[in-house]
């Protein structure tokens, strides 16, 4: 699916959320849309990680062979890819927080990881 199609699909879902009268159903639609955005951001991060590792390998070869012009170019490309990855990471964190708040609104309180495993906390001496 193309990025434009995904963006249009997301816009359609968001417009549908605004038209729904039932607040619980509206929250569920918003949660589904937010989860989809989160998954897509995570997929992009994985793709950028692959691109980053490939570029890092090219940079390492250029450094070993002392090819300064290539090193400079690769270093710039590495910086751009890392920057894009950081932006996607920040966006994914924002969506994860939104997912958590929507889940809290829909389902009530969601236990934290520490509350789910009190044995782990007891072993660490935190209880």
C-alpha atoms as a PDB file:
ATOM      1  CA  UNK A   1       0.000   0.000   0.000  1.00  0.00           C
ATOM      2  CA  UNK A   2       1.363   3.419  -0.884  1.00  0.00           C
ATOM      3  CA  UNK A   3       1.984   6.049   1.778  1.00  0.00           C
ATOM      4  CA  UNK A   4      -0.622   8.334   0.173  1.00  0.00           C
ATOM      5  CA  UNK A   5      -3.221   5.582   0.370  1.00  0.00           C
ATOM      6  CA  UNK A   6      -2.397   5.008   4.041  1.00  0.00           C
ATOM      7  CA  UNK A   7      -2.651   8.732   4.733  1.00  0.00           C
ATOM      8  CA  UNK A   8      -6.016   8.897   2.959  1.00  0.00           C
ATOM      9  CA  UNK A   9      -7.220   5.834   4.874  1.00  0.00           C
ATOM     10  CA  UNK A  10      -6.140   7.407   8.160  1.00  0.00           C
ATOM     11  CA  UNK A  11      -7.906  10.660   7.255  1.00  0.00           C
ATOM     12  CA  UNK A  12     -11.076   8.698   6.422  1.00  0.00           C
ATOM     13  CA  UNK A  13     -10.938   6.940   9.808  1.00  0.00           C
ATOM     14  CA  UNK A  14     -10.397  10.227  11.633  1.00  0.00           C
ATOM     15  CA  UNK A  15     -13.336  11.820   9.820  1.00  0.00           C
ATOM     16  CA  UNK A  16     -15.454   8.769  10.660  1.00  0.00           C
ATOM     17  CA  UNK A  17     -14.466   9.120  14.321  1.00  0.00           C
ATOM     18  CA  UNK A  18     -15.810  12.664  14.366  1.00  0.00           C
ATOM     19  CA  UNK A  19     -19.154  11.576  12.859  1.00  0.00           C
ATOM     20  CA  UNK A  20     -19.876   8.791  15.395  1.00  0.00           C
ATOM     21  CA  UNK A  21     -22.215   9.716  18.234  1.00  0.00           C
ATOM     22  CA  UNK A  22     -21.473   6.841  20.646  1.00  0.00           C
ATOM     23  CA  UNK A  23     -18.495   8.006  22.750  1.00  0.00           C
ATOM     24  CA  UNK A  24     -17.223   4.479  23.473  1.00  0.00           C
ATOM     25  CA  UNK A  25     -17.302   3.546  19.803  1.00  0.00           C
ATOM     26  CA  UNK A  26     -15.616   6.857  18.949  1.00  0.00           C
ATOM     27  CA  UNK A  27     -12.841   6.075  21.431  1.00  0.00           C
ATOM     28  CA  UNK A  28     -12.466   2.571  19.989  1.00  0.00           C
ATOM     29  CA  UNK A  29     -12.137   3.963  16.460  1.00  0.00           C
ATOM     30  CA  UNK A  30      -9.581   6.493  17.685  1.00  0.00           C
ATOM     31  CA  UNK A  31      -7.680   3.695  19.437  1.00  0.00           C
ATOM     32  CA  UNK A  32      -7.636   1.583  16.264  1.00  0.00           C
ATOM     33  CA  UNK A  33      -6.380   4.509  14.184  1.00  0.00           C
ATOM     34  CA  UNK A  34      -3.695   5.344  16.754  1.00  0.00           C
ATOM     35  CA  UNK A  35      -2.532   1.724  16.939  1.00  0.00           C
ATOM     36  CA  UNK A  36      -2.271   1.650  13.152  1.00  0.00           C
ATOM     37  CA  UNK A  37      -0.155   4.826  13.210  1.00  0.00           C
ATOM     38  CA  UNK A  38       2.043   3.340  15.941  1.00  0.00           C
ATOM     39  CA  UNK A  39       2.623   0.110  14.008  1.00  0.00           C
ATOM     40  CA  UNK A  40       3.445   2.037  10.846  1.00  0.00           C
ATOM     41  CA  UNK A  41       5.961   4.215  12.703  1.00  0.00           C
ATOM     42  CA  UNK A  42       7.587   1.078  14.154  1.00  0.00           C
ATOM     43  CA  UNK A  43       7.823  -0.447  10.666  1.00  0.00           C
ATOM     44  CA  UNK A  44       9.536   2.706   9.424  1.00  0.00           C
ATOM     45  CA  UNK A  45      11.999   2.577  12.314  1.00  0.00           C
ATOM     46  CA  UNK A  46      12.909  -1.003  11.397  1.00  0.00           C
ATOM     47  CA  UNK A  47      13.426  -0.007   7.755  1.00  0.00           C
ATOM     48  CA  UNK A  48      15.575   2.937   8.798  1.00  0.00           C
ATOM     49  CA  UNK A  49      17.633   0.626  11.014  1.00  0.00           C
ATOM     50  CA  UNK A  50      18.367  -1.566   7.982  1.00  0.00           C
ATOM     51  CA  UNK A  51      19.266   1.483   5.930  1.00  0.00           C
ATOM     52  CA  UNK A  52      21.443   2.773   8.757  1.00  0.00           C
ATOM     53  CA  UNK A  53      23.362  -0.498   9.063  1.00  0.00           C
ATOM     54  CA  UNK A  54      23.977  -0.617   5.306  1.00  0.00           C
ATOM     55  CA  UNK A  55      25.208   2.961   5.271  1.00  0.00           C
ATOM     56  CA  UNK A  56      27.385   2.290   8.319  1.00  0.00           C
ATOM     57  CA  UNK A  57      28.997  -0.642   6.501  1.00  0.00           C
ATOM     58  CA  UNK A  58      29.767   1.597   3.486  1.00  0.00           C
ATOM     59  CA  UNK A  59      31.188   4.249   5.795  1.00  0.00           C
ATOM     60  CA  UNK A  60      33.408   1.695   7.548  1.00  0.00           C
ATOM     61  CA  UNK A  61      34.825   0.491   4.213  1.00  0.00           C
ATOM     62  CA  UNK A  62      35.516   4.089   3.163  1.00  0.00           C
ATOM     63  CA  UNK A  63      37.226   4.736   6.497  1.00  0.00           C
ATOM     64  CA  UNK A  64      39.419   1.625   6.160  1.00  0.00           C
ATOM     65  CA  UNK A  65      40.479   2.646   2.645  1.00  0.00           C
ATOM     66  CA  UNK A  66      40.893   6.289   3.705  1.00  0.00           C
ATOM     67  CA  UNK A  67      38.477   7.580   1.049  1.00  0.00           C
ATOM     68  CA  UNK A  68      37.788  10.979   2.587  1.00  0.00           C
ATOM     69  CA  UNK A  69      35.307  12.243   0.005  1.00  0.00           C
ATOM     70  CA  UNK A  70      33.158   9.136   0.432  1.00  0.00           C
ATOM     71  CA  UNK A  71      33.511   9.271   4.195  1.00  0.00           C
ATOM     72  CA  UNK A  72      32.146  12.796   4.268  1.00  0.00           C
ATOM     73  CA  UNK A  73      29.210  11.927   2.032  1.00  0.00           C
ATOM     74  CA  UNK A  74      28.395   8.776   3.990  1.00  0.00           C
ATOM     75  CA  UNK A  75      28.690  10.634   7.294  1.00  0.00           C
ATOM     76  CA  UNK A  76      26.133  13.186   6.093  1.00  0.00           C
ATOM     77  CA  UNK A  77      23.796  10.425   4.962  1.00  0.00           C
ATOM     78  CA  UNK A  78      24.193   8.660   8.308  1.00  0.00           C
ATOM     79  CA  UNK A  79      23.257  11.867  10.105  1.00  0.00           C
ATOM     80  CA  UNK A  80      20.132  12.303   7.972  1.00  0.00           C
ATOM     81  CA  UNK A  81      19.006   8.696   8.494  1.00  0.00           C
ATOM     82  CA  UNK A  82      19.636   8.915  12.245  1.00  0.00           C
ATOM     83  CA  UNK A  83      17.667  12.167  12.389  1.00  0.00           C
ATOM     84  CA  UNK A  84      14.723  10.651  10.535  1.00  0.00           C
ATOM     85  CA  UNK A  85      14.842   7.623  12.812  1.00  0.00           C
ATOM     86  CA  UNK A  86      14.773   9.881  15.888  1.00  0.00           C
ATOM     87  CA  UNK A  87      11.746  11.733  14.529  1.00  0.00           C
ATOM     88  CA  UNK A  88       9.906   8.448  13.935  1.00  0.00           C
ATOM     89  CA  UNK A  89      10.892   7.288  17.418  1.00  0.00           C
ATOM     90  CA  UNK A  90       9.494  10.450  19.011  1.00  0.00           C
ATOM     91  CA  UNK A  91       6.293  10.047  16.979  1.00  0.00           C
ATOM     92  CA  UNK A  92       5.976   6.393  18.016  1.00  0.00           C
ATOM     93  CA  UNK A  93       6.415   7.348  21.683  1.00  0.00           C
ATOM     94  CA  UNK A  94       3.710   9.999  21.298  1.00  0.00           C
ATOM     95  CA  UNK A  95       1.352   7.468  19.714  1.00  0.00           C
ATOM     96  CA  UNK A  96       2.116   4.905  22.438  1.00  0.00           C
ATOM     97  CA  UNK A  97       1.191   7.469  25.094  1.00  0.00           C
ATOM     98  CA  UNK A  98      -2.007   8.258  23.227  1.00  0.00           C
ATOM     99  CA  UNK A  99      -2.809   4.533  22.966  1.00  0.00           C
ATOM    100  CA  UNK A 100      -2.324   4.153  26.707  1.00  0.00           C
ATOM    101  CA  UNK A 101      -4.579   7.109  27.505  1.00  0.00           C
ATOM    102  CA  UNK A 102      -7.285   5.850  25.129  1.00  0.00           C
ATOM    103  CA  UNK A 103      -7.084   2.395  26.680  1.00  0.00           C
ATOM    104  CA  UNK A 104      -7.458   3.978  30.105  1.00  0.00           C
ATOM    105  CA  UNK A 105     -10.573   5.826  28.941  1.00  0.00           C
ATOM    106  CA  UNK A 106     -12.120   2.762  27.303  1.00  0.00           C
ATOM    107  CA  UNK A 107     -11.158  -0.083  29.631  1.00  0.00           C
ATOM    108  CA  UNK A 108     -10.400   1.674  32.894  1.00  0.00           C
ATOM    109  CA  UNK A 109      -7.133   1.330  34.761  1.00  0.00           C
ATOM    110  CA  UNK A 110      -4.447  -0.718  33.037  1.00  0.00           C
ATOM    111  CA  UNK A 111      -1.889  -2.281  35.406  1.00  0.00           C
ATOM    112  CA  UNK A 112       1.737  -1.296  35.021  1.00  0.00           C
ATOM    113  CA  UNK A 113       4.424  -3.889  34.375  1.00  0.00           C
ATOM    114  CA  UNK A 114       5.604  -3.625  37.977  1.00  0.00           C
ATOM    115  CA  UNK A 115       2.101  -4.282  39.306  1.00  0.00           C
ATOM    116  CA  UNK A 116       1.749  -7.365  37.110  1.00  0.00           C
ATOM    117  CA  UNK A 117       4.890  -9.022  38.524  1.00  0.00           C
ATOM    118  CA  UNK A 118       5.218  -8.283  42.245  1.00  0.00           C
ATOM    119  CA  UNK A 119       7.667 -11.217  42.566  1.00  0.00           C
ATOM    120  CA  UNK A 120      10.202  -9.436  40.346  1.00  0.00           C
ATOM    121  CA  UNK A 121      10.001  -6.315  42.506  1.00  0.00           C
ATOM    122  CA  UNK A 122      10.386  -8.373  45.690  1.00  0.00           C
ATOM    123  CA  UNK A 123      13.525 -10.021  44.290  1.00  0.00           C
ATOM    124  CA  UNK A 124      15.015  -6.621  43.504  1.00  0.00           C
ATOM    125  CA  UNK A 125      14.278  -5.388  47.021  1.00  0.00           C
ATOM    126  CA  UNK A 126      11.841  -2.695  45.910  1.00  0.00           C
ATOM    127  CA  UNK A 127       8.827  -3.882  47.923  1.00  0.00           C
END
